[in-house]
C-alpha atoms as a PDB file:
ATOM      1  CA  MET A   1      -2.945  -4.591  10.006  1.00  0.00           C
ATOM      2  CA  VAL A   2      -3.657  -7.703  12.093  1.00  0.00           C
ATOM      3  CA  TYR A   3      -0.574  -9.568  13.309  1.00  0.00           C
ATOM      4  CA  ASN A   4      -0.512 -12.191  16.077  1.00  0.00           C
ATOM      5  CA  TYR A   5      -4.171 -11.461  16.903  1.00  0.00           C
ATOM      6  CA  ARG A   6      -3.387  -7.783  17.517  1.00  0.00           C
ATOM      7  CA  LEU A   7      -4.370  -4.776  15.429  1.00  0.00           C
ATOM      8  CA  PHE A   8      -1.178  -2.840  14.539  1.00  0.00           C
ATOM      9  CA  CYS A   9      -0.827   0.767  13.419  1.00  0.00           C
ATOM     10  CA  LEU A  10       2.405   2.163  11.923  1.00  0.00           C
ATOM     11  CA  ARG A  11       3.001   5.882  11.458  1.00  0.00           C
ATOM     12  CA  THR A  12       5.509   8.702  11.311  1.00  0.00           C
ATOM     13  CA  GLY A  13       5.793  11.253  14.098  1.00  0.00           C
ATOM     14  CA  ALA A  14       3.942  14.551  14.216  1.00  0.00           C
ATOM     15  CA  SER A  15       5.168  18.039  13.274  1.00  0.00           C
ATOM     16  CA  GLY A  16       8.544  17.230  11.746  1.00  0.00           C
ATOM     17  CA  ASP A  17       9.244  14.124  13.834  1.00  0.00           C
ATOM     18  CA  ASN A  18      10.329  11.680  11.124  1.00  0.00           C
ATOM     19  CA  GLN A  19      10.774   8.672  13.398  1.00  0.00           C
ATOM     20  CA  LEU A  20       8.619   5.637  12.556  1.00  0.00           C
ATOM     21  CA  TYR A  21       6.363   4.397  15.355  1.00  0.00           C
ATOM     22  CA  TYR A  22       4.098   1.446  15.937  1.00  0.00           C
ATOM     23  CA  THR A  23       1.351   0.639  18.375  1.00  0.00           C
ATOM     24  CA  TYR A  24      -1.163  -2.145  18.700  1.00  0.00           C
ATOM     25  CA  TYR A  25      -4.543  -2.918  20.154  1.00  0.00           C
ATOM     26  CA  ASP A  26      -4.532  -6.014  22.341  1.00  0.00           C
ATOM     27  CA  PRO A  27      -7.984  -7.235  23.393  1.00  0.00           C
ATOM     28  CA  GLN A  28      -6.630  -9.948  25.705  1.00  0.00           C
ATOM     29  CA  PRO A  29      -5.314  -8.107  28.812  1.00  0.00           C
ATOM     30  CA  ARG A  30      -8.261  -7.044  30.917  1.00  0.00           C
ATOM     31  CA  ASP A  31      -8.675  -4.301  33.465  1.00  0.00           C
ATOM     32  CA  GLN A  32      -8.849  -6.086  36.818  1.00  0.00           C
ATOM     33  CA  THR A  33     -11.645  -3.835  38.060  1.00  0.00           C
ATOM     34  CA  THR A  34     -13.943  -3.561  35.037  1.00  0.00           C
ATOM     35  CA  GLY A  35     -12.925  -6.594  32.979  1.00  0.00           C
ATOM     36  CA  ALA A  36     -12.775  -4.367  29.882  1.00  0.00           C
ATOM     37  CA  PRO A  37      -9.938  -4.783  27.350  1.00  0.00           C
ATOM     38  CA  VAL A  38      -6.897  -2.653  28.140  1.00  0.00           C
ATOM     39  CA  GLY A  39      -6.820  -1.610  24.494  1.00  0.00           C
ATOM     40  CA  TRP A  40      -4.225   0.458  22.650  1.00  0.00           C
ATOM     41  CA  ARG A  41      -0.619   0.320  23.850  1.00  0.00           C
ATOM     42  CA  ARG A  42       1.746   3.277  24.020  1.00  0.00           C
ATOM     43  CA  ASP A  43       3.602   4.124  20.809  1.00  0.00           C
ATOM     44  CA  LYS A  44       7.027   2.537  20.445  1.00  0.00           C
ATOM     45  CA  THR A  45       9.720   3.547  17.988  1.00  0.00           C
ATOM     46  CA  ILE A  46      10.895   1.367  15.153  1.00  0.00           C
ATOM     47  CA  PRO A  47      14.592   1.913  15.960  1.00  0.00           C
ATOM     48  CA  GLY A  48      16.659   3.769  13.373  1.00  0.00           C
ATOM     49  CA  GLN A  49      13.846   4.014  10.814  1.00  0.00           C
ATOM     50  CA  LEU A  50      13.090   7.523   9.522  1.00  0.00           C
ATOM     51  CA  SER A  51      10.679   8.709   6.841  1.00  0.00           C
ATOM     52  CA  ASP A  52       8.712  11.793   5.869  1.00  0.00           C
ATOM     53  CA  THR A  53       5.939   9.708   4.269  1.00  0.00           C
ATOM     54  CA  THR A  54       3.400   7.218   5.579  1.00  0.00           C
ATOM     55  CA  PRO A  55       4.745   3.650   5.866  1.00  0.00           C
ATOM     56  CA  ALA A  56       3.028   0.608   4.387  1.00  0.00           C
ATOM     57  CA  ALA A  57       2.560  -2.682   6.231  1.00  0.00           C
ATOM     58  CA  ALA A  58       1.854  -6.306   5.378  1.00  0.00           C
ATOM     59  CA  VAL A  59       1.882  -9.624   7.174  1.00  0.00           C
ATOM     60  CA  TYR A  60       3.952 -12.149   5.255  1.00  0.00           C
ATOM     61  CA  ASN A  61       5.477 -15.470   6.293  1.00  0.00           C
ATOM     62  CA  GLY A  62       4.444 -14.995   9.924  1.00  0.00           C
ATOM     63  CA  GLN A  63       6.131 -11.601  10.266  1.00  0.00           C
ATOM     64  CA  LEU A  64       5.008  -7.977  10.109  1.00  0.00           C
ATOM     65  CA  TRP A  65       6.723  -6.127   7.260  1.00  0.00           C
ATOM     66  CA  CYS A  66       7.054  -2.364   7.001  1.00  0.00           C
ATOM     67  CA  VAL A  67       8.026  -0.638   3.740  1.00  0.00           C
ATOM     68  CA  TYR A  68       8.739   3.076   3.656  1.00  0.00           C
ATOM     69  CA  GLN A  69      10.437   5.821   1.673  1.00  0.00           C
ATOM     70  CA  GLY A  70      13.713   7.043   3.132  1.00  0.00           C
ATOM     71  CA  LEU A  71      13.941  10.471   4.656  1.00  0.00           C
ATOM     72  CA  GLU A  72      14.487  13.132   1.960  1.00  0.00           C
ATOM     73  CA  ASN A  73      15.299  10.604  -0.783  1.00  0.00           C
ATOM     74  CA  GLN A  74      13.491   8.321  -3.206  1.00  0.00           C
ATOM     75  CA  ASN A  75      14.920   5.074  -1.818  1.00  0.00           C
ATOM     76  CA  LEU A  76      12.552   2.465  -0.462  1.00  0.00           C
ATOM     77  CA  TYR A  77      13.445   0.430   2.624  1.00  0.00           C
ATOM     78  CA  TRP A  78      11.958  -2.533   4.450  1.00  0.00           C
ATOM     79  CA  THR A  79      12.123  -3.793   7.989  1.00  0.00           C
ATOM     80  CA  VAL A  80      10.548  -6.845   9.631  1.00  0.00           C
ATOM     81  CA  TYR A  81       9.016  -7.316  13.085  1.00  0.00           C
ATOM     82  CA  ASP A  82       9.169 -10.847  14.486  1.00  0.00           C
ATOM     83  CA  GLY A  83       6.874 -10.162  17.427  1.00  0.00           C
ATOM     84  CA  VAL A  84       9.717  -8.938  19.653  1.00  0.00           C
ATOM     85  CA  ASN A  85      12.208  -6.901  17.592  1.00  0.00           C
ATOM     86  CA  TRP A  86      12.448  -4.935  14.347  1.00  0.00           C
ATOM     87  CA  ASN A  87      15.420  -5.746  12.119  1.00  0.00           C
ATOM     88  CA  SER A  88      17.759  -3.151  10.596  1.00  0.00           C
ATOM     89  CA  ALA A  89      16.565  -1.256   7.522  1.00  0.00           C
ATOM     90  CA  GLN A  90      17.255  -2.916   4.178  1.00  0.00           C
ATOM     91  CA  LYS A  91      17.241  -0.930   0.945  1.00  0.00           C
ATOM     92  CA  ILE A  92      14.956  -2.266  -1.781  1.00  0.00           C
ATOM     93  CA  GLY A  93      16.661  -2.600  -5.131  1.00  0.00           C
ATOM     94  CA  TYR A  94      14.713  -1.476  -8.170  1.00  0.00           C
ATOM     95  CA  SER A  95      14.115  -3.910 -10.992  1.00  0.00           C
ATOM     96  CA  SER A  96      11.613  -4.087 -13.802  1.00  0.00           C
ATOM     97  CA  LYS A  97      12.561  -7.692 -14.554  1.00  0.00           C
ATOM     98  CA  GLY A  98      12.659 -10.554 -12.084  1.00  0.00           C
ATOM     99  CA  GLY A  99      14.918 -13.563 -12.276  1.00  0.00           C
ATOM    100  CA  SER A 100      12.381 -15.902 -10.694  1.00  0.00           C
ATOM    101  CA  THR A 101       9.383 -17.330 -12.499  1.00  0.00           C
ATOM    102  CA  ASP A 102       7.697 -18.577  -9.286  1.00  0.00           C
ATOM    103  CA  ARG A 103       6.356 -15.527  -7.486  1.00  0.00           C
ATOM    104  CA  SER A 104       3.893 -17.381  -5.265  1.00  0.00           C
ATOM    105  CA  LYS A 105       6.056 -16.962  -2.153  1.00  0.00           C
ATOM    106  CA  GLN A 106       7.276 -13.406  -2.578  1.00  0.00           C
ATOM    107  CA  LEU A 107       6.281 -10.087  -1.090  1.00  0.00           C
ATOM    108  CA  SER A 108       5.838  -7.518  -3.862  1.00  0.00           C
ATOM    109  CA  VAL A 109       5.972  -3.752  -3.564  1.00  0.00           C
ATOM    110  CA  LEU A 110       4.479  -1.291  -6.021  1.00  0.00           C
ATOM    111  CA  TYR A 111       5.627   2.298  -5.605  1.00  0.00           C
ATOM    112  CA  LEU A 112       3.777   5.086  -7.424  1.00  0.00           C
ATOM    113  CA  GLU A 113       4.764   8.744  -7.436  1.00  0.00           C
END
């Protein structure tokens, strides 16, 4: 997912580590000796966000959104990265009917089991 000219990758931990992590590739910083891009950054945690499934990501309204299934439940949650911080997890409510007729400025999530 490209956000702020950087390629982002979101994932869960390995071997039972259910923490969500993110990293990004930044082509701008250059090695002072070779001039080559520094590349991928170290993984950072998305604080307080746990899942045992792969998260989904989208860029919407100038922010990076992450949607994921809660740990050991069927609830879906979202969190947003503003380029500096991730917000607290917000539970997604389920609805088959929307109250708004203008969906041109909404982020939609489709969850299939």
